[in-house]
PDB file of N, CA and C in Angstrom:
ATOM      1  N   MET A   1       0.808  -1.204   0.000  1.00  0.00           N
ATOM      2  CA  MET A   1       0.000   0.000   0.000  1.00  0.00           C
ATOM      3  C   MET A   1       0.855   1.274   0.000  1.00  0.00           C
ATOM      4  N   PRO A   2       1.974   1.318   0.731  1.00  0.00           N
ATOM      5  CA  PRO A   2       2.800   2.523   0.675  1.00  0.00           C
ATOM      6  C   PRO A   2       3.352   2.801  -0.721  1.00  0.00           C
ATOM      7  N   VAL A   3       3.627   1.746  -1.480  1.00  0.00           N
ATOM      8  CA  VAL A   3       4.141   1.942  -2.836  1.00  0.00           C
ATOM      9  C   VAL A   3       3.083   2.601  -3.713  1.00  0.00           C
ATOM     10  N   VAL A   4       1.830   2.177  -3.552  1.00  0.00           N
ATOM     11  CA  VAL A   4       0.732   2.762  -4.322  1.00  0.00           C
ATOM     12  C   VAL A   4       0.592   4.245  -3.985  1.00  0.00           C
ATOM     13  N   LEU A   5       0.647   4.571  -2.711  1.00  0.00           N
ATOM     14  CA  LEU A   5       0.544   5.971  -2.307  1.00  0.00           C
ATOM     15  C   LEU A   5       1.720   6.782  -2.844  1.00  0.00           C
ATOM     16  N   PHE A   6       2.896   6.192  -2.837  1.00  0.00           N
ATOM     17  CA  PHE A   6       4.068   6.872  -3.386  1.00  0.00           C
ATOM     18  C   PHE A   6       3.871   7.169  -4.867  1.00  0.00           C
ATOM     19  N   VAL A   7       3.425   6.169  -5.614  1.00  0.00           N
ATOM     20  CA  VAL A   7       3.226   6.352  -7.057  1.00  0.00           C
ATOM     21  C   VAL A   7       2.141   7.384  -7.315  1.00  0.00           C
ATOM     22  N   LEU A   8       1.052   7.325  -6.536  1.00  0.00           N
ATOM     23  CA  LEU A   8      -0.040   8.276  -6.726  1.00  0.00           C
ATOM     24  C   LEU A   8       0.359   9.700  -6.370  1.00  0.00           C
ATOM     25  N   SER A   9       1.354   9.871  -5.539  1.00  0.00           N
ATOM     26  CA  SER A   9       1.794  11.228  -5.211  1.00  0.00           C
ATOM     27  C   SER A   9       2.945  11.698  -6.103  1.00  0.00           C
ATOM     28  N   ILE A  10       3.745  10.781  -6.614  1.00  0.00           N
ATOM     29  CA  ILE A  10       4.876  11.189  -7.446  1.00  0.00           C
ATOM     30  C   ILE A  10       4.443  11.500  -8.882  1.00  0.00           C
ATOM     31  N   LEU A  11       3.429  10.811  -9.384  1.00  0.00           N
ATOM     32  CA  LEU A  11       2.997  11.048 -10.767  1.00  0.00           C
ATOM     33  C   LEU A  11       2.527  12.483 -11.000  1.00  0.00           C
ATOM     34  N   PRO A  12       1.647  13.037 -10.157  1.00  0.00           N
ATOM     35  CA  PRO A  12       1.270  14.441 -10.390  1.00  0.00           C
ATOM     36  C   PRO A  12       2.457  15.399 -10.273  1.00  0.00           C
ATOM     37  N   ALA A  13       3.387  15.085  -9.381  1.00  0.00           N
ATOM     38  CA  ALA A  13       4.565  15.942  -9.252  1.00  0.00           C
ATOM     39  C   ALA A  13       5.393  15.927 -10.530  1.00  0.00           C
ATOM     40  N   ILE A  14       5.560  14.763 -11.110  1.00  0.00           N
ATOM     41  CA  ILE A  14       6.330  14.655 -12.358  1.00  0.00           C
ATOM     42  C   ILE A  14       5.611  15.385 -13.492  1.00  0.00           C
ATOM     43  N   VAL A  15       4.296  15.213 -13.561  1.00  0.00           N
ATOM     44  CA  VAL A  15       3.513  15.896 -14.604  1.00  0.00           C
ATOM     45  C   VAL A  15       3.632  17.407 -14.448  1.00  0.00           C
ATOM     46  N   LEU A  16       3.552  17.894 -13.228  1.00  0.00           N
ATOM     47  CA  LEU A  16       3.676  19.342 -13.009  1.00  0.00           C
ATOM     48  C   LEU A  16       5.074  19.849 -13.362  1.00  0.00           C
ATOM     49  N   LEU A  17       6.102  19.079 -13.052  1.00  0.00           N
ATOM     50  CA  LEU A  17       7.457  19.484 -13.422  1.00  0.00           C
ATOM     51  C   LEU A  17       7.644  19.519 -14.940  1.00  0.00           C
ATOM     52  N   ILE A  18       7.102  18.541 -15.622  1.00  0.00           N
ATOM     53  CA  ILE A  18       7.195  18.524 -17.081  1.00  0.00           C
ATOM     54  C   ILE A  18       6.441  19.707 -17.672  1.00  0.00           C
ATOM     55  N   THR A  19       5.261  19.982 -17.117  1.00  0.00           N
ATOM     56  CA  THR A  19       4.479  21.125 -17.589  1.00  0.00           C
ATOM     57  C   THR A  19       5.221  22.430 -17.353  1.00  0.00           C
ATOM     58  N   ALA A  20       5.792  22.595 -16.166  1.00  0.00           N
ATOM     59  CA  ALA A  20       6.547  23.818 -15.863  1.00  0.00           C
ATOM     60  C   ALA A  20       7.745  23.953 -16.793  1.00  0.00           C
ATOM     61  N   PHE A  21       8.428  22.848 -17.055  1.00  0.00           N
ATOM     62  CA  PHE A  21       9.578  22.879 -17.956  1.00  0.00           C
ATOM     63  C   PHE A  21       9.149  23.283 -19.360  1.00  0.00           C
ATOM     64  N   THR A  22       8.018  22.745 -19.819  1.00  0.00           N
ATOM     65  CA  THR A  22       7.512  23.074 -21.150  1.00  0.00           C
ATOM     66  C   THR A  22       7.123  24.548 -21.239  1.00  0.00           C
ATOM     67  N   ILE A  23       6.465  25.047 -20.194  1.00  0.00           N
ATOM     68  CA  ILE A  23       6.086  26.465 -20.180  1.00  0.00           C
ATOM     69  C   ILE A  23       7.332  27.352 -20.165  1.00  0.00           C
ATOM     70  N   TRP A  24       8.335  26.966 -19.396  1.00  0.00           N
ATOM     71  CA  TRP A  24       9.576  27.731 -19.361  1.00  0.00           C
ATOM     72  C   TRP A  24      10.243  27.753 -20.731  1.00  0.00           C
ATOM     73  N   LEU A  25      10.281  26.579 -21.395  1.00  0.00           N
ATOM     74  CA  LEU A  25      10.846  26.542 -22.743  1.00  0.00           C
ATOM     75  C   LEU A  25      10.031  27.388 -23.713  1.00  0.00           C
ATOM     76  N   ALA A  26       8.719  27.397 -23.540  1.00  0.00           N
ATOM     77  CA  ALA A  26       7.858  28.197 -24.415  1.00  0.00           C
ATOM     78  C   ALA A  26       8.171  29.676 -24.272  1.00  0.00           C
ATOM     79  N   THR A  27       8.419  30.137 -23.045  1.00  0.00           N
ATOM     80  CA  THR A  27       8.785  31.548 -22.878  1.00  0.00           C
ATOM     81  C   THR A  27      10.192  31.807 -23.406  1.00  0.00           C
ATOM     82  N   LEU A  28      11.063  30.831 -23.300  1.00  0.00           N
ATOM     83  CA  LEU A  28      12.428  30.981 -23.799  1.00  0.00           C
ATOM     84  C   LEU A  28      12.468  31.033 -25.328  1.00  0.00           C
ATOM     85  N   PHE A  29      11.689  30.165 -25.968  1.00  0.00           N
ATOM     86  CA  PHE A  29      11.657  30.091 -27.433  1.00  0.00           C
ATOM     87  C   PHE A  29      10.614  31.008 -28.057  1.00  0.00           C
ATOM     88  N   ASP A  30       9.739  31.584 -27.263  1.00  0.00           N
ATOM     89  CA  ASP A  30       8.585  32.365 -27.751  1.00  0.00           C
ATOM     90  C   ASP A  30       7.687  31.522 -28.655  1.00  0.00           C
ATOM     91  N   SER A  31       7.618  30.215 -28.376  1.00  0.00           N
ATOM     92  CA  SER A  31       6.777  29.327 -29.179  1.00  0.00           C
ATOM     93  C   SER A  31       6.387  28.117 -28.334  1.00  0.00           C
ATOM     94  N   ALA A  32       5.099  27.986 -28.079  1.00  0.00           N
ATOM     95  CA  ALA A  32       4.621  26.846 -27.312  1.00  0.00           C
ATOM     96  C   ALA A  32       4.766  25.552 -28.114  1.00  0.00           C
ATOM     97  N   ILE A  33       4.555  25.652 -29.414  1.00  0.00           N
ATOM     98  CA  ILE A  33       4.649  24.460 -30.259  1.00  0.00           C
ATOM     99  C   ILE A  33       6.077  23.931 -30.273  1.00  0.00           C
ATOM    100  N   LEU A  34       7.030  24.812 -30.413  1.00  0.00           N
ATOM    101  CA  LEU A  34       8.427  24.392 -30.431  1.00  0.00           C
ATOM    102  C   LEU A  34       8.825  23.777 -29.084  1.00  0.00           C
ATOM    103  N   ALA A  35       8.358  24.358 -27.999  1.00  0.00           N
ATOM    104  CA  ALA A  35       8.655  23.810 -26.673  1.00  0.00           C
ATOM    105  C   ALA A  35       8.062  22.414 -26.515  1.00  0.00           C
ATOM    106  N   CYS A  36       6.846  22.225 -26.985  1.00  0.00           N
ATOM    107  CA  CYS A  36       6.213  20.895 -26.905  1.00  0.00           C
ATOM    108  C   CYS A  36       6.959  19.880 -27.759  1.00  0.00           C
ATOM    109  N   ILE A  37       7.428  20.314 -28.912  1.00  0.00           N
ATOM    110  CA  ILE A  37       8.191  19.407 -29.775  1.00  0.00           C
ATOM    111  C   ILE A  37       9.499  19.010 -29.107  1.00  0.00           C
ATOM    112  N   VAL A  38      10.189  19.960 -28.502  1.00  0.00           N
ATOM    113  CA  VAL A  38      11.459  19.669 -27.839  1.00  0.00           C
ATOM    114  C   VAL A  38      11.244  18.694 -26.685  1.00  0.00           C
ATOM    115  N   VAL A  39      10.250  18.973 -25.841  1.00  0.00           N
ATOM    116  CA  VAL A  39       9.986  18.100 -24.697  1.00  0.00           C
ATOM    117  C   VAL A  39       9.515  16.719 -25.174  1.00  0.00           C
ATOM    118  N   GLY A  40       8.661  16.688 -26.195  1.00  0.00           N
ATOM    119  CA  GLY A  40       8.199  15.411 -26.736  1.00  0.00           C
ATOM    120  C   GLY A  40       9.327  14.577 -27.303  1.00  0.00           C
ATOM    121  N   CYS A  41      10.239  15.210 -28.031  1.00  0.00           N
ATOM    122  CA  CYS A  41      11.398  14.487 -28.578  1.00  0.00           C
ATOM    123  C   CYS A  41      12.312  13.986 -27.470  1.00  0.00           C
ATOM    124  N   ALA A  42      12.475  14.797 -26.424  1.00  0.00           N
ATOM    125  CA  ALA A  42      13.315  14.364 -25.297  1.00  0.00           C
ATOM    126  C   ALA A  42      12.732  13.106 -24.655  1.00  0.00           C
ATOM    127  N   PHE A  43      11.416  13.097 -24.449  1.00  0.00           N
ATOM    128  CA  PHE A  43      10.799  11.918 -23.849  1.00  0.00           C
ATOM    129  C   PHE A  43      10.797  10.731 -24.800  1.00  0.00           C
ATOM    130  N   LEU A  44      10.720  10.983 -26.081  1.00  0.00           N
ATOM    131  CA  LEU A  44      10.827   9.898 -27.057  1.00  0.00           C
ATOM    132  C   LEU A  44      12.211   9.257 -26.995  1.00  0.00           C
ATOM    133  N   LEU A  45      13.243  10.070 -26.889  1.00  0.00           N
ATOM    134  CA  LEU A  45      14.599   9.533 -26.761  1.00  0.00           C
ATOM    135  C   LEU A  45      14.781   8.760 -25.461  1.00  0.00           C
ATOM    136  N   ILE A  46      14.216   9.284 -24.365  1.00  0.00           N
ATOM    137  CA  ILE A  46      14.304   8.590 -23.081  1.00  0.00           C
ATOM    138  C   ILE A  46      13.587   7.246 -23.153  1.00  0.00           C
ATOM    139  N   ALA A  47      12.394   7.235 -23.752  1.00  0.00           N
ATOM    140  CA  ALA A  47      11.630   5.987 -23.858  1.00  0.00           C
ATOM    141  C   ALA A  47      12.369   4.966 -24.721  1.00  0.00           C
ATOM    142  N   THR A  48      12.963   5.430 -25.809  1.00  0.00           N
ATOM    143  CA  THR A  48      13.719   4.525 -26.680  1.00  0.00           C
ATOM    144  C   THR A  48      14.920   3.941 -25.950  1.00  0.00           C
ATOM    145  N   ALA A  49      15.631   4.789 -25.218  1.00  0.00           N
ATOM    146  CA  ALA A  49      16.787   4.311 -24.456  1.00  0.00           C
ATOM    147  C   ALA A  49      16.361   3.303 -23.392  1.00  0.00           C
ATOM    148  N   LEU A  50      15.267   3.585 -22.696  1.00  0.00           N
ATOM    149  CA  LEU A  50      14.764   2.652 -21.683  1.00  0.00           C
ATOM    150  C   LEU A  50      14.373   1.321 -22.305  1.00  0.00           C
ATOM    151  N   TYR A  51      13.764   1.367 -23.477  1.00  0.00           N
ATOM    152  CA  TYR A  51      13.366   0.128 -24.145  1.00  0.00           C
ATOM    153  C   TYR A  51      14.597  -0.717 -24.467  1.00  0.00           C
ATOM    154  N   PHE A  52      15.598  -0.098 -25.078  1.00  0.00           N
ATOM    155  CA  PHE A  52      16.765  -0.869 -25.487  1.00  0.00           C
ATOM    156  C   PHE A  52      17.607  -1.319 -24.304  1.00  0.00           C
ATOM    157  N   VAL A  53      17.603  -0.558 -23.218  1.00  0.00           N
ATOM    158  CA  VAL A  53      18.428  -0.912 -22.067  1.00  0.00           C
ATOM    159  C   VAL A  53      17.753  -1.956 -21.187  1.00  0.00           C
ATOM    160  N   SER A  54      16.475  -1.750 -20.873  1.00  0.00           N
ATOM    161  CA  SER A  54      15.881  -2.625 -19.862  1.00  0.00           C
ATOM    162  C   SER A  54      14.676  -3.426 -20.331  1.00  0.00           C
ATOM    163  N   LEU A  55      13.894  -2.917 -21.240  1.00  0.00           N
ATOM    164  CA  LEU A  55      12.651  -3.602 -21.590  1.00  0.00           C
ATOM    165  C   LEU A  55      12.796  -4.601 -22.728  1.00  0.00           C
ATOM    166  N   ARG A  56      13.832  -4.485 -23.501  1.00  0.00           N
ATOM    167  CA  ARG A  56      13.975  -5.352 -24.667  1.00  0.00           C
ATOM    168  C   ARG A  56      14.034  -6.827 -24.280  1.00  0.00           C
ATOM    169  N   SER A  57      14.773  -7.150 -23.237  1.00  0.00           N
ATOM    170  CA  SER A  57      14.863  -8.551 -22.813  1.00  0.00           C
ATOM    171  C   SER A  57      13.530  -9.044 -22.272  1.00  0.00           C
ATOM    172  N   ALA A  58      12.802  -8.183 -21.580  1.00  0.00           N
ATOM    173  CA  ALA A  58      11.489  -8.581 -21.060  1.00  0.00           C
ATOM    174  C   ALA A  58      10.506  -8.839 -22.199  1.00  0.00           C
ATOM    175  N   VAL A  59      10.535  -7.995 -23.221  1.00  0.00           N
ATOM    176  CA  VAL A  59       9.667  -8.195 -24.388  1.00  0.00           C
ATOM    177  C   VAL A  59      10.030  -9.485 -25.103  1.00  0.00           C
ATOM    178  N   LYS A  60      11.318  -9.782 -25.193  1.00  0.00           N
ATOM    179  CA  LYS A  60      11.773 -11.029 -25.830  1.00  0.00           C
ATOM    180  C   LYS A  60      11.268 -12.244 -25.060  1.00  0.00           C
ATOM    181  N   ARG A  61      11.321 -12.184 -23.713  1.00  0.00           N
ATOM    182  CA  ARG A  61      10.822 -13.309 -22.908  1.00  0.00           C
ATOM    183  C   ARG A  61       9.319 -13.501 -23.109  1.00  0.00           C
ATOM    184  N   VAL A  62       8.571 -12.415 -23.194  1.00  0.00           N
ATOM    185  CA  VAL A  62       7.130 -12.519 -23.417  1.00  0.00           C
ATOM    186  C   VAL A  62       6.860 -13.121 -24.790  1.00  0.00           C
ATOM    187  N   GLN A  63       7.621 -12.728 -25.799  1.00  0.00           N
ATOM    188  CA  GLN A  63       7.449 -13.298 -27.134  1.00  0.00           C
ATOM    189  C   GLN A  63       7.749 -14.795 -27.133  1.00  0.00           C
ATOM    190  N   ASP A  64       8.788 -15.203 -26.415  1.00  0.00           N
ATOM    191  CA  ASP A  64       9.113 -16.623 -26.325  1.00  0.00           C
ATOM    192  C   ASP A  64       7.989 -17.395 -25.651  1.00  0.00           C
ATOM    193  N   ARG A  65       7.435 -16.833 -24.601  1.00  0.00           N
ATOM    194  CA  ARG A  65       6.318 -17.497 -23.911  1.00  0.00           C
ATOM    195  C   ARG A  65       5.092 -17.586 -24.806  1.00  0.00           C
ATOM    196  N   LEU A  66       4.835 -16.543 -25.569  1.00  0.00           N
ATOM    197  CA  LEU A  66       3.697 -16.575 -26.486  1.00  0.00           C
ATOM    198  C   LEU A  66       3.900 -17.628 -27.571  1.00  0.00           C
ATOM    199  N   GLU A  67       5.122 -17.788 -28.050  1.00  0.00           N
ATOM    200  CA  GLU A  67       5.401 -18.835 -29.028  1.00  0.00           C
ATOM    201  C   GLU A  67       5.134 -20.215 -28.433  1.00  0.00           C
ATOM    202  N   THR A  68       5.517 -20.416 -27.174  1.00  0.00           N
ATOM    203  CA  THR A  68       5.267 -21.694 -26.509  1.00  0.00           C
ATOM    204  C   THR A  68       3.774 -21.948 -26.376  1.00  0.00           C
ATOM    205  N   ILE A  69       3.035 -20.925 -25.995  1.00  0.00           N
ATOM    206  CA  ILE A  69       1.575 -21.064 -25.868  1.00  0.00           C
ATOM    207  C   ILE A  69       0.962 -21.381 -27.220  1.00  0.00           C
ATOM    208  N   TYR A  70       1.430 -20.707 -28.280  1.00  0.00           N
ATOM    209  CA  TYR A  70       0.912 -20.960 -29.616  1.00  0.00           C
ATOM    210  C   TYR A  70       1.199 -22.384 -30.050  1.00  0.00           C
ATOM    211  N   GLU A  71       2.414 -22.863 -29.827  1.00  0.00           N
ATOM    212  CA  GLU A  71       2.759 -24.234 -30.218  1.00  0.00           C
ATOM    213  C   GLU A  71       1.920 -25.241 -29.444  1.00  0.00           C
ATOM    214  N   THR A  72       1.716 -25.008 -28.152  1.00  0.00           N
ATOM    215  CA  THR A  72       0.902 -25.913 -27.339  1.00  0.00           C
ATOM    216  C   THR A  72      -0.533 -25.934 -27.834  1.00  0.00           C
ATOM    217  N   SER A  73      -1.078 -24.762 -28.125  1.00  0.00           N
ATOM    218  CA  SER A  73      -2.460 -24.727 -28.607  1.00  0.00           C
ATOM    219  C   SER A  73      -2.596 -25.392 -29.968  1.00  0.00           C
ATOM    220  N   ARG A  74      -1.553 -25.294 -30.797  1.00  0.00           N
ATOM    221  CA  ARG A  74      -1.585 -25.965 -32.099  1.00  0.00           C
ATOM    222  C   ARG A  74      -1.587 -27.479 -31.929  1.00  0.00           C
ATOM    223  N   VAL A  75      -0.802 -27.994 -30.987  1.00  0.00           N
ATOM    224  CA  VAL A  75      -0.778 -29.438 -30.714  1.00  0.00           C
ATOM    225  C   VAL A  75      -2.132 -29.891 -30.182  1.00  0.00           C
ATOM    226  N   VAL A  76      -2.710 -29.112 -29.270  1.00  0.00           N
ATOM    227  CA  VAL A  76      -4.030 -29.459 -28.723  1.00  0.00           C
ATOM    228  C   VAL A  76      -5.070 -29.440 -29.833  1.00  0.00           C
ATOM    229  N   GLN A  77      -5.012 -28.446 -30.713  1.00  0.00           N
ATOM    230  CA  GLN A  77      -5.973 -28.353 -31.811  1.00  0.00           C
ATOM    231  C   GLN A  77      -5.844 -29.555 -32.743  1.00  0.00           C
ATOM    232  N   SER A  78      -4.626 -29.970 -33.049  1.00  0.00           N
ATOM    233  CA  SER A  78      -4.467 -31.130 -33.929  1.00  0.00           C
ATOM    234  C   SER A  78      -4.968 -32.396 -33.237  1.00  0.00           C
ATOM    235  N   GLY A  79      -4.774 -32.496 -31.922  1.00  0.00           N
ATOM    236  CA  GLY A  79      -5.316 -33.641 -31.186  1.00  0.00           C
ATOM    237  C   GLY A  79      -6.832 -33.659 -31.198  1.00  0.00           C
ATOM    238  N   LEU A  80      -7.438 -32.485 -31.027  1.00  0.00           N
ATOM    239  CA  LEU A  80      -8.902 -32.406 -31.083  1.00  0.00           C
ATOM    240  C   LEU A  80      -9.427 -32.724 -32.478  1.00  0.00           C
ATOM    241  N   ASP A  81      -8.707 -32.292 -33.507  1.00  0.00           N
ATOM    242  CA  ASP A  81      -9.113 -32.635 -34.875  1.00  0.00           C
ATOM    243  C   ASP A  81      -9.058 -34.145 -35.088  1.00  0.00           C
ATOM    244  N   TRP A  82      -8.011 -34.791 -34.574  1.00  0.00           N
ATOM    245  CA  TRP A  82      -7.879 -36.241 -34.698  1.00  0.00           C
ATOM    246  C   TRP A  82      -9.036 -36.941 -33.991  1.00  0.00           C
ATOM    247  N   ILE A  83      -9.385 -36.468 -32.784  1.00  0.00           N
ATOM    248  CA  ILE A  83     -10.502 -37.058 -32.038  1.00  0.00           C
ATOM    249  C   ILE A  83     -11.800 -36.860 -32.793  1.00  0.00           C
ATOM    250  N   ASN A  84     -12.018 -35.677 -33.368  1.00  0.00           N
ATOM    251  CA  ASN A  84     -13.242 -35.424 -34.136  1.00  0.00           C
ATOM    252  C   ASN A  84     -13.331 -36.318 -35.355  1.00  0.00           C
ATOM    253  N   GLU A  85     -12.197 -36.575 -36.017  1.00  0.00           N
ATOM    254  CA  GLU A  85     -12.203 -37.490 -37.160  1.00  0.00           C
ATOM    255  C   GLU A  85     -12.618 -38.886 -36.724  1.00  0.00           C
ATOM    256  N   LYS A  86     -12.086 -39.356 -35.597  1.00  0.00           N
ATOM    257  CA  LYS A  86     -12.431 -40.693 -35.102  1.00  0.00           C
ATOM    258  C   LYS A  86     -13.910 -40.764 -34.728  1.00  0.00           C
ATOM    259  N   ILE A  87     -14.421 -39.706 -34.103  1.00  0.00           N
ATOM    260  CA  ILE A  87     -15.843 -39.689 -33.734  1.00  0.00           C
ATOM    261  C   ILE A  87     -16.706 -39.675 -34.984  1.00  0.00           C
ATOM    262  N   ASP A  88     -16.328 -38.870 -35.979  1.00  0.00           N
ATOM    263  CA  ASP A  88     -17.093 -38.813 -37.210  1.00  0.00           C
ATOM    264  C   ASP A  88     -17.105 -40.166 -37.934  1.00  0.00           C
ATOM    265  N   LYS A  89     -15.977 -40.884 -37.952  1.00  0.00           N
ATOM    266  CA  LYS A  89     -15.920 -42.201 -38.576  1.00  0.00           C
ATOM    267  C   LYS A  89     -16.796 -43.198 -37.825  1.00  0.00           C
ATOM    268  N   TYR A  90     -16.805 -43.090 -36.503  1.00  0.00           N
ATOM    269  CA  TYR A  90     -17.585 -44.012 -35.687  1.00  0.00           C
ATOM    270  C   TYR A  90     -19.085 -43.787 -35.913  1.00  0.00           C
ATOM    271  N   TRP A  91     -19.518 -42.547 -35.977  1.00  0.00           N
ATOM    272  CA  TRP A  91     -20.941 -42.243 -36.106  1.00  0.00           C
ATOM    273  C   TRP A  91     -21.421 -42.300 -37.534  1.00  0.00           C
ATOM    274  N   SER A  92     -20.513 -42.390 -38.522  1.00  0.00           N
ATOM    275  CA  SER A  92     -20.951 -42.408 -39.915  1.00  0.00           C
ATOM    276  C   SER A  92     -21.259 -43.803 -40.378  1.00  0.00           C
TER     277      SER A  92
END
């Protein structure tokens, strides 16, 4: 529960800091659009770096698990098809 409260209190603080930074850049550049583009590109670079540094291996593990689930479901489906063929032959 303390972690949830921490996250719920830190998120608005981060949003307000980003907003203040964007407004400051807008006054510095005399352009709100340019400030938003700069801040957006900065966060895009941060997100890309985070993906390649820490999330890429996690995404790879999830893909491997999904492949295993797909292969298992394919084997089960072929087994069910075989059973249906046997039932159809028996009832025909």
